[in-house]
């Protein structure tokens, strides 16, 4: 369960972008020009925070654990896949990909531990 909480915290971290679009520079290495892009990035931050909060809740609430783990795996896998087919990434986004891959491995470990419980 501690692993799920840790992965949940990783997914909560980008939530700071929802509060301040200026944080996209440090998080993703991109400058946001225009309200439309700011809206999309802030919304993404909210969705990631929901996934993170769900994982943390799922760590202590077995009834929602499977759904929250599935949501997290889909979210992180989708980012890794889209990044893989998108072409060259800046160093910030390559770091996010590495973090998501590590979080996916950690999530798989948590699932295996819970299954053998």
C-alpha atoms as a PDB file:
ATOM      1  CA  UNK A   1       0.000   0.000   0.000  1.00  0.00           C
ATOM      2  CA  UNK A   2       2.923   2.337   0.642  1.00  0.00           C
ATOM      3  CA  UNK A   3       3.960   1.911  -2.987  1.00  0.00           C
ATOM      4  CA  UNK A   4       0.508   3.012  -4.141  1.00  0.00           C
ATOM      5  CA  UNK A   5       0.734   6.091  -1.922  1.00  0.00           C
ATOM      6  CA  UNK A   6       4.169   6.919  -3.362  1.00  0.00           C
ATOM      7  CA  UNK A   7       2.931   6.545  -6.946  1.00  0.00           C
ATOM      8  CA  UNK A   8      -0.116   8.602  -5.984  1.00  0.00           C
ATOM      9  CA  UNK A   9       2.161  11.393  -4.765  1.00  0.00           C
ATOM     10  CA  UNK A  10       4.065  11.282  -8.057  1.00  0.00           C
ATOM     11  CA  UNK A  11       0.764  11.850  -9.864  1.00  0.00           C
ATOM     12  CA  UNK A  12      -0.289  14.606  -7.457  1.00  0.00           C
ATOM     13  CA  UNK A  13       2.892  16.621  -7.995  1.00  0.00           C
ATOM     14  CA  UNK A  14       1.898  18.093 -11.384  1.00  0.00           C
ATOM     15  CA  UNK A  15      -1.197  19.507  -9.695  1.00  0.00           C
ATOM     16  CA  UNK A  16       0.861  22.593  -8.909  1.00  0.00           C
ATOM     17  CA  UNK A  17       0.518  23.562 -12.574  1.00  0.00           C
ATOM     18  CA  UNK A  18      -3.250  23.844 -12.077  1.00  0.00           C
ATOM     19  CA  UNK A  19      -2.639  26.547  -9.497  1.00  0.00           C
ATOM     20  CA  UNK A  20       0.013  28.449 -11.421  1.00  0.00           C
ATOM     21  CA  UNK A  21       0.596  28.144 -15.142  1.00  0.00           C
ATOM     22  CA  UNK A  22       4.043  29.680 -14.595  1.00  0.00           C
ATOM     23  CA  UNK A  23       5.084  26.375 -13.029  1.00  0.00           C
ATOM     24  CA  UNK A  24       4.910  24.668 -16.430  1.00  0.00           C
ATOM     25  CA  UNK A  25       8.378  26.067 -17.165  1.00  0.00           C
ATOM     26  CA  UNK A  26       9.964  24.166 -14.257  1.00  0.00           C
ATOM     27  CA  UNK A  27       7.749  21.098 -14.651  1.00  0.00           C
ATOM     28  CA  UNK A  28       7.855  20.606 -18.418  1.00  0.00           C
ATOM     29  CA  UNK A  29      10.442  23.038 -19.728  1.00  0.00           C
ATOM     30  CA  UNK A  30       7.942  24.885 -21.871  1.00  0.00           C
ATOM     31  CA  UNK A  31       6.664  28.426 -21.897  1.00  0.00           C
ATOM     32  CA  UNK A  32       2.934  28.773 -22.181  1.00  0.00           C
ATOM     33  CA  UNK A  33       1.802  31.365 -24.675  1.00  0.00           C
ATOM     34  CA  UNK A  34      -1.928  31.804 -24.892  1.00  0.00           C
ATOM     35  CA  UNK A  35      -4.944  31.065 -22.780  1.00  0.00           C
ATOM     36  CA  UNK A  36      -5.869  27.921 -24.734  1.00  0.00           C
ATOM     37  CA  UNK A  37      -2.617  26.108 -24.020  1.00  0.00           C
ATOM     38  CA  UNK A  38      -2.705  27.291 -20.402  1.00  0.00           C
ATOM     39  CA  UNK A  39      -6.221  25.879 -20.056  1.00  0.00           C
ATOM     40  CA  UNK A  40      -5.206  22.496 -21.480  1.00  0.00           C
ATOM     41  CA  UNK A  41      -2.139  22.196 -19.258  1.00  0.00           C
ATOM     42  CA  UNK A  42      -4.025  23.265 -16.149  1.00  0.00           C
ATOM     43  CA  UNK A  43      -6.794  20.766 -16.907  1.00  0.00           C
ATOM     44  CA  UNK A  44      -4.173  18.036 -17.408  1.00  0.00           C
ATOM     45  CA  UNK A  45      -2.773  18.916 -13.999  1.00  0.00           C
ATOM     46  CA  UNK A  46      -6.199  18.522 -12.393  1.00  0.00           C
ATOM     47  CA  UNK A  47      -6.711  15.126 -14.051  1.00  0.00           C
ATOM     48  CA  UNK A  48      -3.296  13.899 -12.897  1.00  0.00           C
ATOM     49  CA  UNK A  49      -4.095  15.067  -9.388  1.00  0.00           C
ATOM     50  CA  UNK A  50      -7.333  13.107  -9.500  1.00  0.00           C
ATOM     51  CA  UNK A  51      -5.413   9.973 -10.506  1.00  0.00           C
ATOM     52  CA  UNK A  52      -2.923  10.571  -7.692  1.00  0.00           C
ATOM     53  CA  UNK A  53      -5.621  11.192  -5.124  1.00  0.00           C
ATOM     54  CA  UNK A  54      -7.446   8.097  -6.308  1.00  0.00           C
ATOM     55  CA  UNK A  55      -4.345   5.944  -5.872  1.00  0.00           C
ATOM     56  CA  UNK A  56      -3.812   7.260  -2.371  1.00  0.00           C
ATOM     57  CA  UNK A  57      -7.463   6.609  -1.532  1.00  0.00           C
ATOM     58  CA  UNK A  58      -7.236   3.165  -3.142  1.00  0.00           C
ATOM     59  CA  UNK A  59      -4.282   2.315  -0.946  1.00  0.00           C
ATOM     60  CA  UNK A  60      -6.564   2.438   2.088  1.00  0.00           C
ATOM     61  CA  UNK A  61      -9.919   1.634   0.490  1.00  0.00           C
ATOM     62  CA  UNK A  62      -9.824  -1.834  -1.110  1.00  0.00           C
ATOM     63  CA  UNK A  63     -13.194  -1.315  -2.813  1.00  0.00           C
ATOM     64  CA  UNK A  64     -11.814   1.314  -5.187  1.00  0.00           C
ATOM     65  CA  UNK A  65      -8.248   0.003  -5.489  1.00  0.00           C
ATOM     66  CA  UNK A  66      -8.644  -1.867  -8.775  1.00  0.00           C
ATOM     67  CA  UNK A  67     -10.325   1.067 -10.510  1.00  0.00           C
ATOM     68  CA  UNK A  68      -7.744   3.570  -9.292  1.00  0.00           C
ATOM     69  CA  UNK A  69      -4.832   1.343 -10.257  1.00  0.00           C
ATOM     70  CA  UNK A  70      -6.324   0.850 -13.728  1.00  0.00           C
ATOM     71  CA  UNK A  71      -6.802   4.613 -14.148  1.00  0.00           C
ATOM     72  CA  UNK A  72      -3.208   5.270 -13.111  1.00  0.00           C
ATOM     73  CA  UNK A  73      -1.778   2.597 -15.397  1.00  0.00           C
ATOM     74  CA  UNK A  74      -3.798   3.883 -18.348  1.00  0.00           C
ATOM     75  CA  UNK A  75      -2.772   7.482 -17.655  1.00  0.00           C
ATOM     76  CA  UNK A  76       0.942   6.799 -17.275  1.00  0.00           C
ATOM     77  CA  UNK A  77       1.075   4.295 -20.131  1.00  0.00           C
ATOM     78  CA  UNK A  78      -0.698   6.705 -22.451  1.00  0.00           C
ATOM     79  CA  UNK A  79       1.827   9.443 -21.688  1.00  0.00           C
ATOM     80  CA  UNK A  80       4.771   7.104 -22.268  1.00  0.00           C
ATOM     81  CA  UNK A  81       3.266   5.828 -25.526  1.00  0.00           C
ATOM     82  CA  UNK A  82       2.406   9.292 -26.843  1.00  0.00           C
ATOM     83  CA  UNK A  83       5.890  10.503 -25.914  1.00  0.00           C
ATOM     84  CA  UNK A  84       7.437   7.547 -27.755  1.00  0.00           C
ATOM     85  CA  UNK A  85       5.647   8.379 -30.996  1.00  0.00           C
ATOM     86  CA  UNK A  86       5.920  12.176 -30.700  1.00  0.00           C
ATOM     87  CA  UNK A  87       9.513  12.585 -31.736  1.00  0.00           C
ATOM     88  CA  UNK A  88      12.238  14.448 -29.889  1.00  0.00           C
ATOM     89  CA  UNK A  89      11.387  15.582 -26.375  1.00  0.00           C
ATOM     90  CA  UNK A  90      13.045  18.200 -24.247  1.00  0.00           C
ATOM     91  CA  UNK A  91      14.969  17.084 -21.163  1.00  0.00           C
ATOM     92  CA  UNK A  92      12.076  17.903 -18.837  1.00  0.00           C
ATOM     93  CA  UNK A  93       9.637  15.687 -20.708  1.00  0.00           C
ATOM     94  CA  UNK A  94      12.197  12.883 -21.013  1.00  0.00           C
ATOM     95  CA  UNK A  95      12.454  13.067 -17.212  1.00  0.00           C
ATOM     96  CA  UNK A  96       8.649  12.799 -16.940  1.00  0.00           C
ATOM     97  CA  UNK A  97       8.728   9.715 -19.181  1.00  0.00           C
ATOM     98  CA  UNK A  98      11.398   8.107 -16.960  1.00  0.00           C
ATOM     99  CA  UNK A  99       9.375   8.925 -13.853  1.00  0.00           C
ATOM    100  CA  UNK A 100       6.225   7.429 -15.384  1.00  0.00           C
ATOM    101  CA  UNK A 101       8.061   4.259 -16.421  1.00  0.00           C
ATOM    102  CA  UNK A 102       9.442   3.915 -12.887  1.00  0.00           C
ATOM    103  CA  UNK A 103       5.976   4.557 -11.456  1.00  0.00           C
ATOM    104  CA  UNK A 104       4.507   1.892 -13.757  1.00  0.00           C
ATOM    105  CA  UNK A 105       7.094  -0.614 -12.547  1.00  0.00           C
ATOM    106  CA  UNK A 106       6.355   0.346  -8.942  1.00  0.00           C
ATOM    107  CA  UNK A 107       2.627  -0.041  -9.569  1.00  0.00           C
ATOM    108  CA  UNK A 108       3.197  -3.506 -11.057  1.00  0.00           C
ATOM    109  CA  UNK A 109       5.201  -4.424  -7.958  1.00  0.00           C
ATOM    110  CA  UNK A 110       2.404  -3.167  -5.724  1.00  0.00           C
ATOM    111  CA  UNK A 111      -0.158  -5.220  -7.651  1.00  0.00           C
ATOM    112  CA  UNK A 112       2.042  -8.314  -7.361  1.00  0.00           C
ATOM    113  CA  UNK A 113       2.473  -7.783  -3.626  1.00  0.00           C
ATOM    114  CA  UNK A 114      -1.234  -7.258  -3.112  1.00  0.00           C
ATOM    115  CA  UNK A 115      -2.009 -10.391  -5.146  1.00  0.00           C
ATOM    116  CA  UNK A 116       0.292 -12.517  -3.009  1.00  0.00           C
ATOM    117  CA  UNK A 117      -0.888 -10.712   0.064  1.00  0.00           C
END
